[in-house]
Amino acid sequence: MRVATIPLQQTTAISIQRAQEKLSVTQAQLSTGKKAPDLAALGSEAVRTLSAHTLLAKQEAHAQTATRLGTTLSLYETSITAIENGSMDLGNRLSLAVGTGEAAGLGEAISAAFDQFRSMLNTSEGGLPLFGGGISTEPYAPTKIEDLAGVAASAQFNDGEAIARARVGDGLDLNYGITASELGLEMTKVYRSLVEAGPFGEMLTDAQKTALTDIKIQLDDAVSGIRRLNAENGRRLAQTDTLVTRANERALVLKDVISRNEDADLAQVAMDLAMHKTTLEASYSVFTQLNELSLLNYMR
């Protein structure tokens, strides 16, 4: 009997082609770790996955912005805290001088405190003044404490009025700028009063004791204002940390959604790969046998 091998050969060839396609897809999944080469191949899940990608990009952008803002606020905190601590130390030094009547080294202590105060007000970030209010030059003008004598405190500041703002969430803008005059105006008045009360010798005069007592009260009020600004900055910093944490948590949820839609199950892929290889090898074997049988039929 003769066997019709040509139709079987065609059927087997089609089976081989399909097995090769499935094997190619499975090998691509194994090498990339993805279910499909592009979003379009995901079918009905493509729209949902694309939306998740969009939301993920937005959350990551908000997290990055909030992180950079947190760095800036930390610099604010460092500078403001330095001014606060320096002012408190100066207040203690004034109280000691008034209490003992001794003023040896008081002028040098005042000058040192002012130098730190000036340096902190002119702190820069990325080449721009941290307390500049939008200007590019140093916001605090005097170079030494003697420059304060006879000059209005407000005239010592060159800062702008721009208040920095950052978009840290959907529809959420955070104002965070602090200007040099806002932070240092009252302390500048204190330092001007100290200059005008000097110079100080080994012992304080009665007039100087009275002046330093009044200046100490003025300094305490100035420190209270500095603490208020530091507390407000700390509140913003805590809010920023919370926003970063929430954005990262949302990003993790979205990444999980994307992973479930896009990422292949590698264990299942490995099983499919073995199965497709076995199917392809079997198809090759059948095709070879059919070729041999076709040749025998031809020879007969």
Protein backbone atom coordinates (compact mmCIF):
# COMPACT_ATOMS: atom_id res chain seq x y z
CA MET A 1 0.00 0.00 0.00
CA ARG A 2 1.18 3.57 -0.75
CA VAL A 3 1.07 6.27 1.93
CA ALA A 4 0.03 9.88 1.01
CA THR A 5 3.08 11.57 2.58
CA ILE A 6 2.84 15.05 1.00
CA PRO A 7 -0.19 16.25 3.04
CA LEU A 8 1.42 14.87 6.18
CA GLN A 9 4.65 16.64 5.33
CA GLN A 10 2.78 19.94 4.90
CA THR A 11 0.95 19.46 8.21
CA THR A 12 4.20 18.62 9.97
CA ALA A 13 5.96 21.61 8.42
CA ILE A 14 3.23 23.90 9.75
CA SER A 15 3.58 22.28 13.19
CA ILE A 16 7.33 22.84 13.08
CA GLN A 17 6.83 26.50 12.18
CA ARG A 18 4.39 27.02 15.06
CA ALA A 19 6.69 25.21 17.48
CA GLN A 20 9.59 27.41 16.35
CA GLU A 21 7.52 30.55 16.90
CA LYS A 22 6.47 29.44 20.39
CA LEU A 23 10.05 28.51 21.23
CA SER A 24 11.28 31.90 20.00
CA VAL A 25 8.70 33.73 22.12
CA THR A 26 9.59 31.65 25.17
CA GLN A 27 13.32 32.25 24.69
CA ALA A 28 12.66 36.00 24.42
CA GLN A 29 10.64 35.89 27.66
CA LEU A 30 13.48 34.02 29.36
CA SER A 31 16.13 36.50 28.19
CA THR A 32 14.14 39.71 28.90
CA GLY A 33 12.00 38.56 31.80
CA LYS A 34 8.97 40.16 30.12
CA LYS A 35 5.74 38.60 28.94
CA ALA A 36 5.67 40.62 25.71
CA PRO A 37 8.14 42.70 23.67
CA ASP A 38 5.97 45.85 23.89
CA LEU A 39 2.82 47.23 25.53
CA ALA A 40 0.68 46.58 22.47
CA ALA A 41 1.31 42.86 22.83
CA LEU A 42 -0.24 42.87 26.31
CA GLY A 43 -3.72 43.14 24.84
CA SER A 44 -6.43 44.29 27.25
CA GLU A 45 -3.87 45.01 29.99
CA ALA A 46 -1.98 47.51 27.84
CA VAL A 47 -4.09 50.54 28.84
CA ARG A 48 -3.92 49.72 32.54
CA THR A 49 -0.17 49.14 32.37
CA LEU A 50 0.43 52.37 30.45
CA SER A 51 -1.58 54.31 33.06
CA ALA A 52 0.47 52.69 35.81
CA HIS A 53 3.69 53.73 34.05
CA THR A 54 2.43 57.34 33.85
CA LEU A 55 1.47 57.43 37.51
CA LEU A 56 4.79 55.82 38.48
CA ALA A 57 6.78 58.47 36.61
CA LYS A 58 4.77 61.19 38.40
CA GLN A 59 5.32 59.66 41.84
CA GLU A 60 9.04 59.22 41.22
CA ALA A 61 9.30 62.85 40.08
CA HIS A 62 7.50 64.04 43.22
CA ALA A 63 9.77 61.89 45.40
CA GLN A 64 12.89 63.30 43.73
CA THR A 65 11.63 66.88 44.14
CA ALA A 66 10.77 66.30 47.79
CA THR A 67 14.16 64.69 48.40
CA ARG A 68 16.01 67.66 46.89
CA LEU A 69 13.78 69.99 48.91
CA GLY A 70 14.62 68.04 52.05
CA THR A 71 18.32 68.66 51.39
CA THR A 72 17.72 72.39 51.04
CA LEU A 73 15.61 72.51 54.20
CA SER A 74 18.36 70.65 56.07
CA LEU A 75 20.81 73.36 55.00
CA TYR A 76 18.34 75.97 56.27
CA GLU A 77 18.14 74.11 59.56
CA THR A 78 21.92 73.91 59.90
CA SER A 79 22.41 77.63 59.30
CA ILE A 80 19.49 78.77 61.46
CA THR A 81 20.54 76.48 64.30
CA ALA A 82 24.08 77.84 64.13
CA ILE A 83 22.75 81.41 64.38
CA GLU A 84 20.45 80.43 67.24
CA ASN A 85 23.21 78.70 69.22
CA GLY A 86 25.67 81.51 68.56
CA SER A 87 23.13 84.09 69.73
CA MET A 88 22.39 82.12 72.89
CA ASP A 89 26.09 81.81 73.67
CA LEU A 90 26.47 85.54 73.16
CA GLY A 91 23.54 86.15 75.51
CA ASN A 92 25.22 84.03 78.18
CA ARG A 93 28.43 86.00 77.70
CA LEU A 94 26.56 89.29 78.14
CA SER A 95 24.85 88.05 81.29
CA LEU A 96 28.20 87.01 82.73
CA ALA A 97 29.71 90.39 81.95
CA VAL A 98 26.81 92.26 83.55
CA GLY A 99 26.86 90.02 86.59
CA THR A 100 30.60 90.28 87.25
CA GLY A 101 31.27 93.68 85.78
CA GLU A 102 34.28 92.19 83.99
CA ALA A 103 34.50 92.81 80.24
CA ALA A 104 37.90 91.32 79.36
CA GLY A 105 37.58 89.64 75.94
CA LEU A 106 33.95 90.72 75.53
CA GLY A 107 34.64 92.76 72.39
CA GLU A 108 36.42 89.81 70.77
CA ALA A 109 33.56 87.44 71.70
CA ILE A 110 31.03 89.82 70.16
CA SER A 111 33.07 90.14 66.95
CA ALA A 112 33.49 86.34 66.67
CA ALA A 113 29.75 85.80 67.15
CA PHE A 114 29.00 88.41 64.48
CA ASP A 115 31.42 86.80 62.00
CA GLN A 116 29.60 83.48 62.37
CA PHE A 117 26.25 85.23 62.09
CA ARG A 118 27.32 86.97 58.86
CA SER A 119 28.74 83.75 57.43
CA MET A 120 25.51 81.82 58.05
CA LEU A 121 23.34 84.55 56.48
CA ASN A 122 25.50 84.40 53.34
CA THR A 123 25.45 80.60 53.12
CA SER A 124 25.11 79.42 49.52
CA GLU A 125 23.68 76.32 47.86
CA GLY A 126 24.68 75.46 44.33
CA GLY A 127 26.40 78.83 43.93
CA LEU A 128 23.32 80.85 44.99
CA PRO A 129 22.67 82.45 48.40
CA LEU A 130 20.47 80.22 50.52
CA PHE A 131 18.78 83.23 52.14
CA GLY A 132 19.03 85.49 49.09
CA GLY A 133 15.35 85.65 48.19
CA GLY A 134 16.13 85.15 44.51
CA ILE A 135 19.27 87.29 44.18
CA SER A 136 22.69 85.97 43.10
CA THR A 137 24.87 88.14 45.35
CA GLU A 138 25.45 87.95 49.09
CA PRO A 139 22.31 89.19 50.87
CA TYR A 140 24.10 90.47 53.98
CA ALA A 141 26.32 93.47 53.21
CA PRO A 142 28.53 94.30 56.23
CA THR A 143 31.95 92.66 56.29
CA LYS A 144 32.76 93.52 59.93
CA ILE A 145 30.74 94.45 62.98
CA GLU A 146 31.99 98.05 62.98
CA ASP A 147 30.08 98.61 59.70
CA LEU A 148 26.83 98.48 61.68
CA ALA A 149 27.41 101.63 63.70
CA GLY A 150 25.10 104.51 62.80
CA VAL A 151 23.39 102.60 59.98
CA ALA A 152 19.79 101.36 60.00
CA ALA A 153 19.66 97.57 60.32
CA SER A 154 17.40 97.21 57.28
CA ALA A 155 20.01 99.00 55.13
CA GLN A 156 22.46 96.14 55.70
CA PHE A 157 20.40 93.68 53.65
CA ASN A 158 20.39 93.27 49.87
CA ASP A 159 18.12 90.21 49.67
CA GLY A 160 15.17 89.86 47.33
CA GLU A 161 11.56 89.07 48.09
CA ALA A 162 11.13 85.89 46.04
CA ILE A 163 9.84 82.95 48.06
CA ALA A 164 10.91 79.55 46.73
CA ARG A 165 8.21 77.01 45.92
CA ALA A 166 8.31 73.33 45.01
CA ARG A 167 5.65 71.00 43.56
CA VAL A 168 5.82 68.01 45.91
CA GLY A 169 2.53 66.32 45.09
CA ASP A 170 -0.57 66.42 42.91
CA GLY A 171 -1.81 69.99 43.32
CA LEU A 172 0.47 70.47 46.34
CA ASP A 173 3.00 73.32 46.27
CA LEU A 174 5.22 73.94 49.27
CA ASN A 175 6.57 77.44 49.99
CA TYR A 176 9.84 77.16 51.84
CA GLY A 177 12.08 80.19 51.27
CA ILE A 178 13.52 82.26 54.14
CA THR A 179 15.25 85.56 53.43
CA ALA A 180 18.29 86.98 55.21
CA SER A 181 16.39 90.02 56.47
CA GLU A 182 13.59 87.85 57.83
CA LEU A 183 16.12 85.79 59.75
CA GLY A 184 18.73 88.35 60.72
CA LEU A 185 17.13 91.80 61.03
CA GLU A 186 16.55 91.71 64.79
CA MET A 187 19.98 90.25 65.53
CA THR A 188 21.53 92.95 63.37
CA LYS A 189 19.87 95.52 65.62
CA VAL A 190 21.38 93.72 68.61
CA TYR A 191 24.87 93.78 67.14
CA ARG A 192 24.51 97.48 66.22
CA SER A 193 23.52 98.24 69.82
CA LEU A 194 26.56 96.31 71.07
CA VAL A 195 28.88 98.26 68.80
CA GLU A 196 27.40 101.55 69.94
CA ALA A 197 27.69 100.48 73.60
CA GLY A 198 31.42 99.82 73.22
CA PRO A 199 34.30 99.81 73.23
CA PHE A 200 34.63 97.59 76.30
CA GLY A 201 37.62 97.76 78.61
CA GLU A 202 38.61 95.44 81.43
CA MET A 203 35.60 96.48 83.50
CA LEU A 204 32.13 97.66 82.48
CA THR A 205 30.98 101.15 83.35
CA ASP A 206 27.60 101.63 84.98
CA ALA A 207 26.23 102.98 81.69
CA GLN A 208 27.51 99.91 79.85
CA LYS A 209 25.94 97.57 82.40
CA THR A 210 22.60 99.24 81.86
CA ALA A 211 23.03 99.13 78.09
CA LEU A 212 24.01 95.44 78.09
CA THR A 213 21.04 94.59 80.31
CA ASP A 214 18.69 96.20 77.81
CA ILE A 215 20.52 94.55 74.89
CA LYS A 216 20.19 91.14 76.55
CA ILE A 217 16.41 91.59 76.63
CA GLN A 218 16.52 92.62 72.97
CA LEU A 219 18.68 89.59 72.14
CA ASP A 220 16.26 87.18 73.88
CA ASP A 221 13.41 88.52 71.75
CA ALA A 222 15.52 88.11 68.61
CA VAL A 223 16.37 84.51 69.56
CA SER A 224 12.65 83.78 70.02
CA GLY A 225 12.04 84.93 66.44
CA ILE A 226 14.90 82.76 65.17
CA ARG A 227 13.50 79.75 67.01
CA ARG A 228 10.10 80.36 65.45
CA LEU A 229 11.63 80.31 61.96
CA ASN A 230 13.62 77.18 62.81
CA ALA A 231 10.50 75.46 64.09
CA GLU A 232 8.58 76.36 60.95
CA ASN A 233 11.44 75.08 58.81
CA GLY A 234 11.48 71.88 60.87
CA ARG A 235 7.76 71.42 60.25
CA ARG A 236 8.36 71.71 56.50
CA LEU A 237 11.24 69.25 56.73
CA ALA A 238 9.05 66.72 58.54
CA GLN A 239 6.30 67.23 55.96
CA THR A 240 8.83 66.68 53.17
CA ASP A 241 10.04 63.44 54.74
CA THR A 242 6.43 62.24 54.95
CA LEU A 243 5.81 63.15 51.31
CA VAL A 244 8.92 61.25 50.20
CA THR A 245 7.82 58.18 52.15
CA ARG A 246 4.28 58.29 50.73
CA ALA A 247 5.52 58.82 47.16
CA ASN A 248 7.89 55.87 47.50
CA GLU A 249 5.10 53.70 48.92
CA ARG A 250 2.79 54.60 46.01
CA ALA A 251 5.63 53.91 43.59
CA LEU A 252 6.06 50.41 45.07
CA VAL A 253 2.36 49.66 44.59
CA LEU A 254 2.49 50.85 40.96
CA LYS A 255 5.66 48.86 40.30
CA ASP A 256 3.89 45.77 41.61
CA VAL A 257 0.95 46.41 39.24
CA ILE A 258 3.35 46.86 36.32
CA SER A 259 5.34 43.77 37.30
CA ARG A 260 2.22 41.59 37.42
CA ASN A 261 1.19 42.79 33.98
CA GLU A 262 4.59 42.81 32.28
CA ASP A 263 6.97 40.42 34.01
CA ALA A 264 7.00 36.77 33.00
CA ASP A 265 6.81 33.89 35.46
CA LEU A 266 10.30 32.53 34.89
CA ALA A 267 9.49 29.15 36.43
CA GLN A 268 6.58 28.72 34.03
CA VAL A 269 8.71 30.04 31.16
CA ALA A 270 11.36 27.41 31.89
CA MET A 271 8.72 24.67 31.81
CA ASP A 272 7.24 26.03 28.57
CA LEU A 273 10.71 26.22 27.04
CA ALA A 274 11.38 22.56 27.79
CA MET A 275 7.97 21.59 26.42
CA HIS A 276 8.40 23.60 23.19
CA LYS A 277 11.86 22.12 22.65
CA THR A 278 10.46 18.61 23.08
CA THR A 279 7.58 19.37 20.69
CA LEU A 280 9.95 20.84 18.10
CA GLU A 281 12.33 17.88 18.31
CA ALA A 282 9.39 15.49 17.92
CA SER A 283 8.16 17.43 14.87
CA TYR A 284 11.63 17.29 13.33
CA SER A 285 11.71 13.53 13.93
CA VAL A 286 8.30 12.99 12.31
CA PHE A 287 9.21 15.22 9.37
CA THR A 288 12.42 13.24 8.80
CA GLN A 289 10.54 9.95 8.87
CA LEU A 290 7.98 11.27 6.40
CA ASN A 291 10.76 12.37 4.05
CA GLU A 292 12.29 8.91 4.20
CA LEU A 293 8.91 7.29 3.56
CA SER A 294 8.25 9.65 0.66
CA LEU A 295 11.58 8.70 -0.87
CA LEU A 296 10.76 4.98 -0.58
CA ASN A 297 7.39 5.51 -2.24
CA TYR A 298 9.10 7.40 -5.06
CA MET A 299 11.61 4.60 -5.62
CA ARG A 300 8.87 2.05 -5.90
